[in-house]
Amino acid sequence: MPKIVNASREVANQTPLERAILEAIEQARSTCDIQGNASAGCAVAWDIVEELQAEKSHRQATEKFKTSLEHYCDENPNAPECLIYDI
């Protein structure tokens, strides 16, 4: 049975880069429909999609992953082990 998804919530949670990727995909499909799949314009449009997806992948790869202590301190900033003292 297919999963029903609230599309408006999905769009609201997207980053500007994810929205740009979706728009580029729509533009590439439109360009290829109009100019043909073998046209230079179609190839350029899909190259743009590929570059945007590569940028998204690069950003995800460079994200810093939080340790369990960092997650704990985010939720409990006043816990003794989370306090930072200036000396």
N, C-alpha and C. Protein backbone atom coordinates (compact mmCIF):
# COMPACT_ATOMS: atom_id res chain seq x y z
N MET A 1 0.84 -1.17 0.00
CA MET A 1 0.00 0.00 0.00
C MET A 1 0.89 1.24 0.00
N PRO A 2 0.68 2.20 -0.90
CA PRO A 2 1.53 3.38 -0.96
C PRO A 2 1.36 4.27 0.27
N LYS A 3 2.44 4.92 0.64
CA LYS A 3 2.44 5.81 1.78
C LYS A 3 1.89 7.17 1.34
N ILE A 4 0.96 7.71 2.10
CA ILE A 4 0.40 9.02 1.80
C ILE A 4 1.26 10.07 2.49
N VAL A 5 1.71 11.05 1.72
CA VAL A 5 2.61 12.07 2.24
C VAL A 5 1.96 13.43 2.09
N ASN A 6 2.10 14.24 3.12
CA ASN A 6 1.61 15.61 3.06
C ASN A 6 2.62 16.44 2.28
N ALA A 7 2.30 16.76 1.02
CA ALA A 7 3.24 17.43 0.13
C ALA A 7 3.59 18.83 0.62
N SER A 8 2.65 19.55 1.21
CA SER A 8 2.95 20.91 1.65
C SER A 8 3.96 20.90 2.79
N ARG A 9 3.90 19.92 3.65
CA ARG A 9 4.86 19.82 4.74
C ARG A 9 6.23 19.42 4.20
N GLU A 10 6.26 18.55 3.21
CA GLU A 10 7.51 18.13 2.59
C GLU A 10 8.22 19.32 1.97
N VAL A 11 7.49 20.16 1.27
CA VAL A 11 8.08 21.33 0.62
C VAL A 11 8.57 22.33 1.66
N ALA A 12 7.82 22.49 2.74
CA ALA A 12 8.20 23.45 3.78
C ALA A 12 9.50 23.05 4.46
N ASN A 13 9.80 21.77 4.54
CA ASN A 13 11.00 21.29 5.21
C ASN A 13 12.22 21.27 4.31
N GLN A 14 12.08 21.64 3.05
CA GLN A 14 13.19 21.58 2.12
C GLN A 14 14.08 22.81 2.27
N THR A 15 15.36 22.58 2.04
CA THR A 15 16.31 23.68 2.03
C THR A 15 16.22 24.39 0.69
N PRO A 16 16.75 25.60 0.60
CA PRO A 16 16.75 26.29 -0.70
C PRO A 16 17.47 25.49 -1.78
N LEU A 17 18.51 24.76 -1.40
CA LEU A 17 19.23 23.94 -2.38
C LEU A 17 18.36 22.80 -2.89
N GLU A 18 17.61 22.17 -2.01
CA GLU A 18 16.71 21.08 -2.43
C GLU A 18 15.62 21.61 -3.36
N ARG A 19 15.09 22.80 -3.05
CA ARG A 19 14.09 23.40 -3.93
C ARG A 19 14.70 23.74 -5.29
N ALA A 20 15.94 24.23 -5.28
CA ALA A 20 16.63 24.55 -6.54
C ALA A 20 16.83 23.29 -7.38
N ILE A 21 17.13 22.18 -6.73
CA ILE A 21 17.30 20.90 -7.45
C ILE A 21 15.99 20.49 -8.11
N LEU A 22 14.90 20.57 -7.36
CA LEU A 22 13.60 20.20 -7.92
C LEU A 22 13.21 21.11 -9.08
N GLU A 23 13.47 22.40 -8.94
CA GLU A 23 13.17 23.33 -10.03
C GLU A 23 14.04 23.04 -11.25
N ALA A 24 15.31 22.71 -11.03
CA ALA A 24 16.22 22.40 -12.13
C ALA A 24 15.78 21.12 -12.85
N ILE A 25 15.28 20.15 -12.10
CA ILE A 25 14.79 18.91 -12.72
C ILE A 25 13.58 19.21 -13.59
N GLU A 26 12.65 20.02 -13.07
CA GLU A 26 11.47 20.39 -13.86
C GLU A 26 11.89 21.13 -15.13
N GLN A 27 12.85 22.04 -14.99
CA GLN A 27 13.32 22.81 -16.13
C GLN A 27 14.01 21.90 -17.15
N ALA A 28 14.79 20.94 -16.68
CA ALA A 28 15.48 20.01 -17.58
C ALA A 28 14.48 19.15 -18.34
N ARG A 29 13.47 18.67 -17.65
CA ARG A 29 12.44 17.86 -18.33
C ARG A 29 11.72 18.68 -19.40
N SER A 30 11.40 19.92 -19.03
CA SER A 30 10.71 20.79 -19.97
C SER A 30 11.59 21.09 -21.19
N THR A 31 12.84 21.39 -20.94
CA THR A 31 13.79 21.69 -22.02
C THR A 31 13.94 20.49 -22.95
N CYS A 32 14.06 19.31 -22.38
CA CYS A 32 14.24 18.10 -23.19
C CYS A 32 12.97 17.78 -23.98
N ASP A 33 11.80 18.05 -23.41
CA ASP A 33 10.55 17.82 -24.14
C ASP A 33 10.44 18.76 -25.34
N ILE A 34 10.87 20.00 -25.14
CA ILE A 34 10.75 21.00 -26.21
C ILE A 34 11.85 20.83 -27.26
N GLN A 35 13.11 20.70 -26.82
CA GLN A 35 14.23 20.68 -27.74
C GLN A 35 14.66 19.28 -28.18
N GLY A 36 14.21 18.26 -27.46
CA GLY A 36 14.59 16.89 -27.78
C GLY A 36 15.70 16.41 -26.86
N ASN A 37 15.71 15.10 -26.63
CA ASN A 37 16.66 14.52 -25.69
C ASN A 37 18.11 14.60 -26.15
N ALA A 38 18.35 14.72 -27.44
CA ALA A 38 19.71 14.76 -27.97
C ALA A 38 20.23 16.18 -28.15
N SER A 39 19.47 17.18 -27.73
CA SER A 39 19.87 18.57 -27.95
C SER A 39 20.91 19.02 -26.92
N ALA A 40 21.66 20.05 -27.29
CA ALA A 40 22.66 20.63 -26.38
C ALA A 40 21.98 21.26 -25.17
N GLY A 41 20.83 21.89 -25.39
CA GLY A 41 20.11 22.50 -24.28
C GLY A 41 19.68 21.49 -23.23
N CYS A 42 19.26 20.32 -23.70
CA CYS A 42 18.87 19.25 -22.78
C CYS A 42 20.07 18.78 -21.95
N ALA A 43 21.20 18.61 -22.61
CA ALA A 43 22.41 18.18 -21.91
C ALA A 43 22.84 19.21 -20.87
N VAL A 44 22.78 20.48 -21.23
CA VAL A 44 23.16 21.55 -20.30
C VAL A 44 22.22 21.57 -19.10
N ALA A 45 20.94 21.41 -19.34
CA ALA A 45 19.95 21.42 -18.25
C ALA A 45 20.21 20.29 -17.26
N TRP A 46 20.53 19.11 -17.77
CA TRP A 46 20.81 17.99 -16.87
C TRP A 46 22.17 18.14 -16.19
N ASP A 47 23.11 18.82 -16.82
CA ASP A 47 24.39 19.12 -16.17
C ASP A 47 24.17 20.02 -14.96
N ILE A 48 23.25 20.97 -15.10
CA ILE A 48 22.93 21.86 -13.98
C ILE A 48 22.35 21.06 -12.81
N VAL A 49 21.46 20.13 -13.12
CA VAL A 49 20.88 19.27 -12.08
C VAL A 49 22.00 18.48 -11.39
N GLU A 50 22.89 17.93 -12.18
CA GLU A 50 23.99 17.12 -11.63
C GLU A 50 24.88 17.96 -10.72
N GLU A 51 25.18 19.19 -11.13
CA GLU A 51 26.02 20.07 -10.31
C GLU A 51 25.34 20.42 -8.98
N LEU A 52 24.05 20.69 -9.03
CA LEU A 52 23.32 20.99 -7.79
C LEU A 52 23.28 19.79 -6.85
N GLN A 53 23.08 18.60 -7.41
CA GLN A 53 23.07 17.39 -6.59
C GLN A 53 24.45 17.12 -6.00
N ALA A 54 25.50 17.40 -6.75
CA ALA A 54 26.86 17.23 -6.24
C ALA A 54 27.12 18.19 -5.09
N GLU A 55 26.63 19.42 -5.21
CA GLU A 55 26.79 20.39 -4.13
C GLU A 55 26.06 19.93 -2.87
N LYS A 56 24.87 19.39 -3.03
CA LYS A 56 24.12 18.89 -1.88
C LYS A 56 24.88 17.74 -1.22
N SER A 57 25.41 16.85 -2.02
CA SER A 57 26.18 15.72 -1.50
C SER A 57 27.43 16.21 -0.77
N HIS A 58 28.10 17.19 -1.34
CA HIS A 58 29.30 17.74 -0.72
C HIS A 58 28.98 18.37 0.63
N ARG A 59 27.88 19.10 0.69
CA ARG A 59 27.48 19.72 1.96
C ARG A 59 27.17 18.68 3.02
N GLN A 60 26.51 17.60 2.62
CA GLN A 60 26.18 16.55 3.58
C GLN A 60 27.43 15.85 4.08
N ALA A 61 28.42 15.68 3.20
CA ALA A 61 29.65 14.99 3.58
C ALA A 61 30.48 15.82 4.54
N THR A 62 30.37 17.14 4.47
CA THR A 62 31.18 18.00 5.33
C THR A 62 30.46 18.42 6.60
N GLU A 63 29.21 17.97 6.77
CA GLU A 63 28.50 18.30 8.01
C GLU A 63 29.19 17.66 9.19
N LYS A 64 29.25 18.40 10.27
CA LYS A 64 29.83 17.87 11.49
C LYS A 64 28.77 17.03 12.21
N PHE A 65 29.14 15.82 12.58
CA PHE A 65 28.22 14.98 13.32
C PHE A 65 28.42 15.22 14.81
N LYS A 66 27.31 15.39 15.52
CA LYS A 66 27.38 15.68 16.95
C LYS A 66 27.58 14.40 17.76
N THR A 67 28.34 14.55 18.83
CA THR A 67 28.52 13.44 19.76
C THR A 67 27.30 13.37 20.68
N SER A 68 27.23 12.32 21.45
CA SER A 68 26.10 12.18 22.37
C SER A 68 26.14 13.28 23.45
N LEU A 69 27.34 13.71 23.84
CA LEU A 69 27.45 14.80 24.81
C LEU A 69 26.92 16.10 24.21
N GLU A 70 27.22 16.36 22.95
CA GLU A 70 26.72 17.58 22.31
C GLU A 70 25.20 17.57 22.21
N HIS A 71 24.61 16.41 21.91
CA HIS A 71 23.15 16.30 21.88
C HIS A 71 22.58 16.55 23.28
N TYR A 72 23.22 15.98 24.28
CA TYR A 72 22.77 16.15 25.66
C TYR A 72 22.84 17.63 26.06
N CYS A 73 23.93 18.30 25.71
CA CYS A 73 24.10 19.71 26.08
C CYS A 73 23.14 20.62 25.32
N ASP A 74 22.75 20.22 24.11
CA ASP A 74 21.74 20.99 23.40
C ASP A 74 20.42 20.97 24.14
N GLU A 75 20.10 19.82 24.74
CA GLU A 75 18.85 19.67 25.47
C GLU A 75 18.95 20.18 26.91
N ASN A 76 20.17 20.17 27.47
CA ASN A 76 20.38 20.55 28.88
C ASN A 76 21.57 21.51 28.98
N PRO A 77 21.43 22.74 28.51
CA PRO A 77 22.58 23.65 28.48
C PRO A 77 23.11 24.05 29.85
N ASN A 78 22.31 23.91 30.89
CA ASN A 78 22.77 24.29 32.23
C ASN A 78 23.30 23.12 33.04
N ALA A 79 23.41 21.95 32.45
CA ALA A 79 23.97 20.79 33.15
C ALA A 79 25.45 21.08 33.44
N PRO A 80 25.95 20.63 34.60
CA PRO A 80 27.34 20.92 34.97
C PRO A 80 28.36 20.52 33.91
N GLU A 81 28.16 19.39 33.26
CA GLU A 81 29.14 18.94 32.28
C GLU A 81 29.07 19.73 30.97
N CYS A 82 28.08 20.61 30.85
CA CYS A 82 27.92 21.40 29.63
C CYS A 82 28.35 22.85 29.80
N LEU A 83 28.61 23.25 31.04
CA LEU A 83 28.99 24.64 31.28
C LEU A 83 30.43 24.90 30.84
N ILE A 84 30.66 26.07 30.29
CA ILE A 84 31.98 26.47 29.85
C ILE A 84 32.40 27.66 30.70
N TYR A 85 33.58 27.56 31.29
CA TYR A 85 34.05 28.60 32.20
C TYR A 85 35.20 29.37 31.55
N ASP A 86 35.17 30.71 31.68
CA ASP A 86 36.28 31.54 31.25
C ASP A 86 37.24 31.68 32.42
N ILE A 87 38.48 31.41 32.16
CA ILE A 87 39.48 31.49 33.24
C ILE A 87 40.37 32.69 33.02
